[in-house]
Amino acid sequence: MIKPIGDRIVIEPILQEDITSGGIILPESAKEMLEEGKVLATGAGVFRDGQRVAPEVKAGDKVLYSKHVGTPVKVSGKEVLVMHESDILVIIS
């Protein structure tokens, strides 16, 4: 596994289904503009006013983020995203 630095977060995207439970095939344009993912690792946080501010998310959290953010990286054959914590919109409880 990789260890992010600063305020960077490693996310495993959760793929959205192309077919609903009722059997309807969804075109790409019908999918939401948000992506869901699972936090795999976080950096230690950023420094503000000489103090380290820890990230609000932690490994295992499910989160929503905008499409087209983050940098795709392949780790042990698995595609993950590395993004700044500020690119995460919400934590799903």
PDB file of N, CA and C in Angstrom:
ATOM      1  N   MET A   1       0.848  -1.182   0.000  1.00  0.00           N
ATOM      2  CA  MET A   1       0.000   0.000   0.000  1.00  0.00           C
ATOM      3  C   MET A   1       0.885   1.234   0.000  1.00  0.00           C
ATOM      4  N   ILE A   2       0.325   2.335  -0.440  1.00  0.00           N
ATOM      5  CA  ILE A   2       1.059   3.594  -0.452  1.00  0.00           C
ATOM      6  C   ILE A   2       0.608   4.457   0.714  1.00  0.00           C
ATOM      7  N   LYS A   3       1.487   5.328   1.181  1.00  0.00           N
ATOM      8  CA  LYS A   3       1.161   6.235   2.282  1.00  0.00           C
ATOM      9  C   LYS A   3       1.154   7.657   1.737  1.00  0.00           C
ATOM     10  N   PRO A   4      -0.014   8.303   1.737  1.00  0.00           N
ATOM     11  CA  PRO A   4      -0.083   9.677   1.255  1.00  0.00           C
ATOM     12  C   PRO A   4       0.569  10.642   2.245  1.00  0.00           C
ATOM     13  N   ILE A   5       0.976  11.801   1.745  1.00  0.00           N
ATOM     14  CA  ILE A   5       1.582  12.812   2.610  1.00  0.00           C
ATOM     15  C   ILE A   5       0.688  14.043   2.665  1.00  0.00           C
ATOM     16  N   GLY A   6       0.899  14.861   3.680  1.00  0.00           N
ATOM     17  CA  GLY A   6       0.135  16.103   3.823  1.00  0.00           C
ATOM     18  C   GLY A   6      -1.352  15.844   3.929  1.00  0.00           C
ATOM     19  N   ASP A   7      -2.137  16.589   3.148  1.00  0.00           N
ATOM     20  CA  ASP A   7      -3.595  16.451   3.203  1.00  0.00           C
ATOM     21  C   ASP A   7      -4.132  15.542   2.101  1.00  0.00           C
ATOM     22  N   ARG A   8      -3.269  14.703   1.560  1.00  0.00           N
ATOM     23  CA  ARG A   8      -3.722  13.807   0.491  1.00  0.00           C
ATOM     24  C   ARG A   8      -4.387  12.560   1.071  1.00  0.00           C
ATOM     25  N   ILE A   9      -5.331  12.026   0.305  1.00  0.00           N
ATOM     26  CA  ILE A   9      -6.133  10.881   0.715  1.00  0.00           C
ATOM     27  C   ILE A   9      -6.090   9.855  -0.414  1.00  0.00           C
ATOM     28  N   VAL A  10      -6.013   8.566  -0.075  1.00  0.00           N
ATOM     29  CA  VAL A  10      -6.101   7.496  -1.073  1.00  0.00           C
ATOM     30  C   VAL A  10      -7.513   6.918  -0.996  1.00  0.00           C
ATOM     31  N   ILE A  11      -8.203   6.905  -2.143  1.00  0.00           N
ATOM     32  CA  ILE A  11      -9.597   6.466  -2.232  1.00  0.00           C
ATOM     33  C   ILE A  11      -9.693   5.287  -3.190  1.00  0.00           C
ATOM     34  N   GLU A  12     -10.460   4.282  -2.798  1.00  0.00           N
ATOM     35  CA  GLU A  12     -10.814   3.192  -3.701  1.00  0.00           C
ATOM     36  C   GLU A  12     -12.212   3.492  -4.231  1.00  0.00           C
ATOM     37  N   PRO A  13     -12.337   3.807  -5.528  1.00  0.00           N
ATOM     38  CA  PRO A  13     -13.659   4.109  -6.073  1.00  0.00           C
ATOM     39  C   PRO A  13     -14.593   2.904  -5.959  1.00  0.00           C
ATOM     40  N   ILE A  14     -15.852   3.174  -5.647  1.00  0.00           N
ATOM     41  CA  ILE A  14     -16.887   2.150  -5.636  1.00  0.00           C
ATOM     42  C   ILE A  14     -17.653   2.320  -6.937  1.00  0.00           C
ATOM     43  N   LEU A  15     -17.567   1.318  -7.794  1.00  0.00           N
ATOM     44  CA  LEU A  15     -18.169   1.414  -9.118  1.00  0.00           C
ATOM     45  C   LEU A  15     -19.682   1.402  -9.027  1.00  0.00           C
ATOM     46  N   GLN A  16     -20.305   2.301  -9.802  1.00  0.00           N
ATOM     47  CA  GLN A  16     -21.758   2.361  -9.859  1.00  0.00           C
ATOM     48  C   GLN A  16     -22.248   1.335 -10.859  1.00  0.00           C
ATOM     49  N   GLU A  17     -23.390   0.749 -10.562  1.00  0.00           N
ATOM     50  CA  GLU A  17     -23.988  -0.240 -11.448  1.00  0.00           C
ATOM     51  C   GLU A  17     -24.524   0.427 -12.711  1.00  0.00           C
ATOM     52  N   ASP A  18     -24.388  -0.259 -13.850  1.00  0.00           N
ATOM     53  CA  ASP A  18     -24.937   0.229 -15.112  1.00  0.00           C
ATOM     54  C   ASP A  18     -26.378  -0.209 -15.303  1.00  0.00           C
ATOM     55  N   ILE A  19     -26.815  -1.182 -14.497  1.00  0.00           N
ATOM     56  CA  ILE A  19     -28.174  -1.714 -14.605  1.00  0.00           C
ATOM     57  C   ILE A  19     -28.832  -1.613 -13.234  1.00  0.00           C
ATOM     58  N   THR A  20     -30.049  -1.065 -13.195  1.00  0.00           N
ATOM     59  CA  THR A  20     -30.773  -0.950 -11.928  1.00  0.00           C
ATOM     60  C   THR A  20     -31.266  -2.320 -11.488  1.00  0.00           C
ATOM     61  N   SER A  21     -31.763  -2.400 -10.243  1.00  0.00           N
ATOM     62  CA  SER A  21     -32.279  -3.668  -9.733  1.00  0.00           C
ATOM     63  C   SER A  21     -33.495  -4.135 -10.528  1.00  0.00           C
ATOM     64  N   GLY A  22     -34.179  -3.208 -11.207  1.00  0.00           N
ATOM     65  CA  GLY A  22     -35.334  -3.556 -12.039  1.00  0.00           C
ATOM     66  C   GLY A  22     -34.958  -3.939 -13.460  1.00  0.00           C
ATOM     67  N   GLY A  23     -33.653  -3.918 -13.794  1.00  0.00           N
ATOM     68  CA  GLY A  23     -33.198  -4.329 -15.112  1.00  0.00           C
ATOM     69  C   GLY A  23     -33.064  -3.212 -16.125  1.00  0.00           C
ATOM     70  N   ILE A  24     -33.222  -1.958 -15.705  1.00  0.00           N
ATOM     71  CA  ILE A  24     -33.100  -0.824 -16.626  1.00  0.00           C
ATOM     72  C   ILE A  24     -31.625  -0.482 -16.797  1.00  0.00           C
ATOM     73  N   ILE A  25     -31.185  -0.375 -18.042  1.00  0.00           N
ATOM     74  CA  ILE A  25     -29.790  -0.022 -18.343  1.00  0.00           C
ATOM     75  C   ILE A  25     -29.664   1.493 -18.312  1.00  0.00           C
ATOM     76  N   LEU A  26     -28.729   1.989 -17.501  1.00  0.00           N
ATOM     77  CA  LEU A  26     -28.532   3.424 -17.356  1.00  0.00           C
ATOM     78  C   LEU A  26     -27.468   3.925 -18.330  1.00  0.00           C
ATOM     79  N   PRO A  27     -27.794   4.944 -19.151  1.00  0.00           N
ATOM     80  CA  PRO A  27     -26.756   5.546 -19.992  1.00  0.00           C
ATOM     81  C   PRO A  27     -25.813   6.383 -19.138  1.00  0.00           C
ATOM     82  N   GLU A  28     -24.642   6.654 -19.652  1.00  0.00           N
ATOM     83  CA  GLU A  28     -23.635   7.428 -18.917  1.00  0.00           C
ATOM     84  C   GLU A  28     -24.179   8.788 -18.492  1.00  0.00           C
ATOM     85  N   SER A  29     -25.001   9.422 -19.336  1.00  0.00           N
ATOM     86  CA  SER A  29     -25.525  10.750 -19.017  1.00  0.00           C
ATOM     87  C   SER A  29     -26.503  10.726 -17.853  1.00  0.00           C
ATOM     88  N   ALA A  30     -27.066   9.572 -17.520  1.00  0.00           N
ATOM     89  CA  ALA A  30     -28.045   9.475 -16.436  1.00  0.00           C
ATOM     90  C   ALA A  30     -27.387   9.260 -15.079  1.00  0.00           C
ATOM     91  N   LYS A  31     -26.102   8.934 -15.070  1.00  0.00           N
ATOM     92  CA  LYS A  31     -25.417   8.707 -13.803  1.00  0.00           C
ATOM     93  C   LYS A  31     -25.155  10.046 -13.117  1.00  0.00           C
ATOM     94  N   GLU A  32     -25.103  10.008 -11.806  1.00  0.00           N
ATOM     95  CA  GLU A  32     -24.892  11.223 -11.036  1.00  0.00           C
ATOM     96  C   GLU A  32     -23.512  11.823 -11.317  1.00  0.00           C
ATOM     97  N   MET A  33     -23.370  13.089 -10.953  1.00  0.00           N
ATOM     98  CA  MET A  33     -22.096  13.782 -11.138  1.00  0.00           C
ATOM     99  C   MET A  33     -21.168  13.562  -9.943  1.00  0.00           C
ATOM    100  N   LEU A  34     -21.604  12.744  -8.987  1.00  0.00           N
ATOM    101  CA  LEU A  34     -20.776  12.446  -7.825  1.00  0.00           C
ATOM    102  C   LEU A  34     -20.338  10.998  -7.868  1.00  0.00           C
ATOM    103  N   GLU A  35     -19.191  10.738  -7.300  1.00  0.00           N
ATOM    104  CA  GLU A  35     -18.653   9.386  -7.203  1.00  0.00           C
ATOM    105  C   GLU A  35     -18.580   8.997  -5.734  1.00  0.00           C
ATOM    106  N   GLU A  36     -18.702   7.711  -5.480  1.00  0.00           N
ATOM    107  CA  GLU A  36     -18.592   7.191  -4.121  1.00  0.00           C
ATOM    108  C   GLU A  36     -17.304   6.394  -4.014  1.00  0.00           C
ATOM    109  N   GLY A  37     -16.670   6.458  -2.860  1.00  0.00           N
ATOM    110  CA  GLY A  37     -15.445   5.710  -2.668  1.00  0.00           C
ATOM    111  C   GLY A  37     -15.204   5.402  -1.206  1.00  0.00           C
ATOM    112  N   LYS A  38     -14.208   4.542  -0.978  1.00  0.00           N
ATOM    113  CA  LYS A  38     -13.824   4.150   0.371  1.00  0.00           C
ATOM    114  C   LYS A  38     -12.417   4.668   0.629  1.00  0.00           C
ATOM    115  N   VAL A  39     -12.218   5.331   1.761  1.00  0.00           N
ATOM    116  CA  VAL A  39     -10.901   5.856   2.124  1.00  0.00           C
ATOM    117  C   VAL A  39     -10.012   4.691   2.546  1.00  0.00           C
ATOM    118  N   LEU A  40      -8.869   4.554   1.869  1.00  0.00           N
ATOM    119  CA  LEU A  40      -7.917   3.500   2.205  1.00  0.00           C
ATOM    120  C   LEU A  40      -6.817   4.003   3.133  1.00  0.00           C
ATOM    121  N   ALA A  41      -6.380   5.256   2.925  1.00  0.00           N
ATOM    122  CA  ALA A  41      -5.298   5.812   3.735  1.00  0.00           C
ATOM    123  C   ALA A  41      -5.357   7.331   3.691  1.00  0.00           C
ATOM    124  N   THR A  42      -4.852   7.960   4.755  1.00  0.00           N
ATOM    125  CA  THR A  42      -4.798   9.420   4.805  1.00  0.00           C
ATOM    126  C   THR A  42      -3.396   9.863   5.169  1.00  0.00           C
ATOM    127  N   GLY A  43      -3.071  11.067   4.740  1.00  0.00           N
ATOM    128  CA  GLY A  43      -1.823  11.669   5.163  1.00  0.00           C
ATOM    129  C   GLY A  43      -1.968  12.188   6.585  1.00  0.00           C
ATOM    130  N   ALA A  44      -0.914  12.769   7.135  1.00  0.00           N
ATOM    131  CA  ALA A  44      -0.931  13.263   8.515  1.00  0.00           C
ATOM    132  C   ALA A  44      -1.691  14.575   8.649  1.00  0.00           C
ATOM    133  N   GLY A  45      -1.976  15.250   7.541  1.00  0.00           N
ATOM    134  CA  GLY A  45      -2.665  16.536   7.582  1.00  0.00           C
ATOM    135  C   GLY A  45      -1.751  17.656   7.147  1.00  0.00           C
ATOM    136  N   VAL A  46      -2.262  18.872   7.209  1.00  0.00           N
ATOM    137  CA  VAL A  46      -1.504  20.045   6.778  1.00  0.00           C
ATOM    138  C   VAL A  46      -1.126  20.884   7.986  1.00  0.00           C
ATOM    139  N   PHE A  47      -0.151  21.771   7.782  1.00  0.00           N
ATOM    140  CA  PHE A  47       0.234  22.718   8.834  1.00  0.00           C
ATOM    141  C   PHE A  47      -0.494  24.028   8.605  1.00  0.00           C
ATOM    142  N   ARG A  48      -1.152  24.528   9.654  1.00  0.00           N
ATOM    143  CA  ARG A  48      -1.787  25.850   9.631  1.00  0.00           C
ATOM    144  C   ARG A  48      -1.368  26.575  10.897  1.00  0.00           C
ATOM    145  N   ASP A  49      -0.817  27.742  10.747  1.00  0.00           N
ATOM    146  CA  ASP A  49      -0.361  28.550  11.884  1.00  0.00           C
ATOM    147  C   ASP A  49       0.581  27.763  12.792  1.00  0.00           C
ATOM    148  N   GLY A  50       1.451  26.960  12.190  1.00  0.00           N
ATOM    149  CA  GLY A  50       2.434  26.199  12.946  1.00  0.00           C
ATOM    150  C   GLY A  50       1.903  24.951  13.619  1.00  0.00           C
ATOM    151  N   GLN A  51       0.631  24.637  13.426  1.00  0.00           N
ATOM    152  CA  GLN A  51       0.022  23.448  14.029  1.00  0.00           C
ATOM    153  C   GLN A  51      -0.413  22.486  12.933  1.00  0.00           C
ATOM    154  N   ARG A  52      -0.215  21.195  13.179  1.00  0.00           N
ATOM    155  CA  ARG A  52      -0.688  20.201  12.229  1.00  0.00           C
ATOM    156  C   ARG A  52      -2.187  20.000  12.445  1.00  0.00           C
ATOM    157  N   VAL A  53      -2.951  20.062  11.343  1.00  0.00           N
ATOM    158  CA  VAL A  53      -4.392  19.832  11.377  1.00  0.00           C
ATOM    159  C   VAL A  53      -4.642  18.459  10.757  1.00  0.00           C
ATOM    160  N   ALA A  54      -5.115  17.530  11.575  1.00  0.00           N
ATOM    161  CA  ALA A  54      -5.359  16.164  11.112  1.00  0.00           C
ATOM    162  C   ALA A  54      -6.545  16.130  10.150  1.00  0.00           C
ATOM    163  N   PRO A  55      -6.561  15.183   9.205  1.00  0.00           N
ATOM    164  CA  PRO A  55      -7.696  15.080   8.285  1.00  0.00           C
ATOM    165  C   PRO A  55      -8.981  14.692   9.019  1.00  0.00           C
ATOM    166  N   GLU A  56     -10.116  15.116   8.475  1.00  0.00           N
ATOM    167  CA  GLU A  56     -11.413  14.782   9.063  1.00  0.00           C
ATOM    168  C   GLU A  56     -11.837  13.365   8.709  1.00  0.00           C
ATOM    169  N   VAL A  57     -11.331  12.838   7.593  1.00  0.00           N
ATOM    170  CA  VAL A  57     -11.693  11.477   7.188  1.00  0.00           C
ATOM    171  C   VAL A  57     -10.655  10.499   7.711  1.00  0.00           C
ATOM    172  N   LYS A  58     -11.059   9.232   7.813  1.00  0.00           N
ATOM    173  CA  LYS A  58     -10.131   8.196   8.268  1.00  0.00           C
ATOM    174  C   LYS A  58     -10.313   6.961   7.394  1.00  0.00           C
ATOM    175  N   ALA A  59      -9.369   6.072   7.443  1.00  0.00           N
ATOM    176  CA  ALA A  59      -9.440   4.840   6.654  1.00  0.00           C
ATOM    177  C   ALA A  59     -10.727   4.104   6.998  1.00  0.00           C
ATOM    178  N   GLY A  60     -11.418   3.626   5.964  1.00  0.00           N
ATOM    179  CA  GLY A  60     -12.667   2.909   6.141  1.00  0.00           C
ATOM    180  C   GLY A  60     -13.902   3.758   5.904  1.00  0.00           C
ATOM    181  N   ASP A  61     -13.766   5.103   5.929  1.00  0.00           N
ATOM    182  CA  ASP A  61     -14.912   5.983   5.683  1.00  0.00           C
ATOM    183  C   ASP A  61     -15.387   5.854   4.242  1.00  0.00           C
ATOM    184  N   LYS A  62     -16.719   5.876   4.029  1.00  0.00           N
ATOM    185  CA  LYS A  62     -17.289   5.979   2.687  1.00  0.00           C
ATOM    186  C   LYS A  62     -17.538   7.454   2.429  1.00  0.00           C
ATOM    187  N   VAL A  63     -17.126   7.934   1.258  1.00  0.00           N
ATOM    188  CA  VAL A  63     -17.212   9.358   0.958  1.00  0.00           C
ATOM    189  C   VAL A  63     -17.780   9.588  -0.442  1.00  0.00           C
ATOM    190  N   LEU A  64     -18.248  10.815  -0.669  1.00  0.00           N
ATOM    191  CA  LEU A  64     -18.645  11.261  -1.996  1.00  0.00           C
ATOM    192  C   LEU A  64     -17.681  12.342  -2.440  1.00  0.00           C
ATOM    193  N   TYR A  65     -17.326  12.317  -3.721  1.00  0.00           N
ATOM    194  CA  TYR A  65     -16.442  13.323  -4.292  1.00  0.00           C
ATOM    195  C   TYR A  65     -16.896  13.594  -5.717  1.00  0.00           C
ATOM    196  N   SER A  66     -16.501  14.736  -6.271  1.00  0.00           N
ATOM    197  CA  SER A  66     -16.869  15.104  -7.631  1.00  0.00           C
ATOM    198  C   SER A  66     -16.152  14.219  -8.633  1.00  0.00           C
ATOM    199  N   LYS A  67     -16.806  14.017  -9.771  1.00  0.00           N
ATOM    200  CA  LYS A  67     -16.135  13.285 -10.855  1.00  0.00           C
ATOM    201  C   LYS A  67     -14.937  14.099 -11.326  1.00  0.00           C
ATOM    202  N   HIS A  68     -13.987  13.441 -11.884  1.00  0.00           N
ATOM    203  CA  HIS A  68     -12.820  14.057 -12.515  1.00  0.00           C
ATOM    204  C   HIS A  68     -11.899  14.763 -11.526  1.00  0.00           C
ATOM    205  N   VAL A  69     -11.856  14.326 -10.259  1.00  0.00           N
ATOM    206  CA  VAL A  69     -10.861  14.857  -9.326  1.00  0.00           C
ATOM    207  C   VAL A  69      -9.924  13.718  -8.946  1.00  0.00           C
ATOM    208  N   GLY A  70      -8.776  14.070  -8.472  1.00  0.00           N
ATOM    209  CA  GLY A  70      -7.812  13.068  -8.044  1.00  0.00           C
ATOM    210  C   GLY A  70      -6.931  12.576  -9.177  1.00  0.00           C
ATOM    211  N   THR A  71      -5.879  11.892  -8.787  1.00  0.00           N
ATOM    212  CA  THR A  71      -4.932  11.319  -9.732  1.00  0.00           C
ATOM    213  C   THR A  71      -5.018   9.807  -9.653  1.00  0.00           C
ATOM    214  N   PRO A  72      -5.355   9.136 -10.771  1.00  0.00           N
ATOM    215  CA  PRO A  72      -5.423   7.677 -10.733  1.00  0.00           C
ATOM    216  C   PRO A  72      -4.036   7.069 -10.594  1.00  0.00           C
ATOM    217  N   VAL A  73      -3.915   6.073  -9.721  1.00  0.00           N
ATOM    218  CA  VAL A  73      -2.651   5.379  -9.472  1.00  0.00           C
ATOM    219  C   VAL A  73      -2.972   3.896  -9.380  1.00  0.00           C
ATOM    220  N   LYS A  74      -2.124   3.057  -9.952  1.00  0.00           N
ATOM    221  CA  LYS A  74      -2.311   1.615  -9.865  1.00  0.00           C
ATOM    222  C   LYS A  74      -1.391   1.079  -8.764  1.00  0.00           C
ATOM    223  N   VAL A  75      -1.993   0.410  -7.767  1.00  0.00           N
ATOM    224  CA  VAL A  75      -1.246  -0.144  -6.642  1.00  0.00           C
ATOM    225  C   VAL A  75      -1.628  -1.612  -6.508  1.00  0.00           C
ATOM    226  N   SER A  76      -0.657  -2.487  -6.619  1.00  0.00           N
ATOM    227  CA  SER A  76      -0.891  -3.937  -6.523  1.00  0.00           C
ATOM    228  C   SER A  76      -2.005  -4.389  -7.458  1.00  0.00           C
ATOM    229  N   GLY A  77      -2.015  -3.834  -8.665  1.00  0.00           N
ATOM    230  CA  GLY A  77      -3.005  -4.210  -9.666  1.00  0.00           C
ATOM    231  C   GLY A  77      -4.374  -3.588  -9.480  1.00  0.00           C
ATOM    232  N   LYS A  78      -4.547  -2.757  -8.461  1.00  0.00           N
ATOM    233  CA  LYS A  78      -5.836  -2.132  -8.180  1.00  0.00           C
ATOM    234  C   LYS A  78      -5.739  -0.630  -8.453  1.00  0.00           C
ATOM    235  N   GLU A  79      -6.733  -0.082  -9.153  1.00  0.00           N
ATOM    236  CA  GLU A  79      -6.753   1.355  -9.453  1.00  0.00           C
ATOM    237  C   GLU A  79      -7.347   2.118  -8.272  1.00  0.00           C
ATOM    238  N   VAL A  80      -6.583   3.092  -7.752  1.00  0.00           N
ATOM    239  CA  VAL A  80      -7.043   3.958  -6.670  1.00  0.00           C
ATOM    240  C   VAL A  80      -6.862   5.406  -7.106  1.00  0.00           C
ATOM    241  N   LEU A  81      -7.452   6.321  -6.336  1.00  0.00           N
ATOM    242  CA  LEU A  81      -7.309   7.750  -6.600  1.00  0.00           C
ATOM    243  C   LEU A  81      -6.579   8.396  -5.438  1.00  0.00           C
ATOM    244  N   VAL A  82      -5.663   9.309  -5.753  1.00  0.00           N
ATOM    245  CA  VAL A  82      -5.003  10.122  -4.738  1.00  0.00           C
ATOM    246  C   VAL A  82      -5.513  11.536  -4.949  1.00  0.00           C
ATOM    247  N   MET A  83      -6.121  12.104  -3.890  1.00  0.00           N
ATOM    248  CA  MET A  83      -6.691  13.445  -4.002  1.00  0.00           C
ATOM    249  C   MET A  83      -6.458  14.217  -2.715  1.00  0.00           C
ATOM    250  N   HIS A  84      -6.666  15.519  -2.787  1.00  0.00           N
ATOM    251  CA  HIS A  84      -6.597  16.350  -1.594  1.00  0.00           C
ATOM    252  C   HIS A  84      -7.864  16.145  -0.777  1.00  0.00           C
ATOM    253  N   GLU A  85      -7.754  16.268   0.522  1.00  0.00           N
ATOM    254  CA  GLU A  85      -8.923  16.112   1.378  1.00  0.00           C
ATOM    255  C   GLU A  85     -10.025  17.095   0.994  1.00  0.00           C
ATOM    256  N   SER A  86      -9.664  18.264   0.531  1.00  0.00           N
ATOM    257  CA  SER A  86     -10.672  19.274   0.160  1.00  0.00           C
ATOM    258  C   SER A  86     -11.503  18.849  -1.048  1.00  0.00           C
ATOM    259  N   ASP A  87     -11.056  17.831  -1.793  1.00  0.00           N
ATOM    260  CA  ASP A  87     -11.850  17.331  -2.925  1.00  0.00           C
ATOM    261  C   ASP A  87     -12.991  16.426  -2.473  1.00  0.00           C
ATOM    262  N   ILE A  88     -12.967  15.989  -1.215  1.00  0.00           N
ATOM    263  CA  ILE A  88     -14.036  15.164  -0.670  1.00  0.00           C
ATOM    264  C   ILE A  88     -15.171  16.063  -0.230  1.00  0.00           C
ATOM    265  N   LEU A  89     -16.385  15.723  -0.652  1.00  0.00           N
ATOM    266  CA  LEU A  89     -17.539  16.570  -0.339  1.00  0.00           C
ATOM    267  C   LEU A  89     -18.228  16.180   0.959  1.00  0.00           C
ATOM    268  N   VAL A  90     -18.468  14.891   1.177  1.00  0.00           N
ATOM    269  CA  VAL A  90     -19.167  14.439   2.380  1.00  0.00           C
ATOM    270  C   VAL A  90     -18.680  13.046   2.789  1.00  0.00           C
ATOM    271  N   ILE A  91     -18.890  12.741   4.070  1.00  0.00           N
ATOM    272  CA  ILE A  91     -18.697  11.389   4.585  1.00  0.00           C
ATOM    273  C   ILE A  91     -20.082  10.773   4.708  1.00  0.00           C
ATOM    274  N   ILE A  92     -20.240   9.556   4.193  1.00  0.00           N
ATOM    275  CA  ILE A  92     -21.519   8.865   4.266  1.00  0.00           C
ATOM    276  C   ILE A  92     -21.543   8.022   5.530  1.00  0.00           C
ATOM    277  N   SER A  93     -22.584   8.227   6.362  1.00  0.00           N
ATOM    278  CA  SER A  93     -22.653   7.419   7.593  1.00  0.00           C
ATOM    279  C   SER A  93     -23.577   6.242   7.428  1.00  0.00           C
TER     280      SER A  93
END
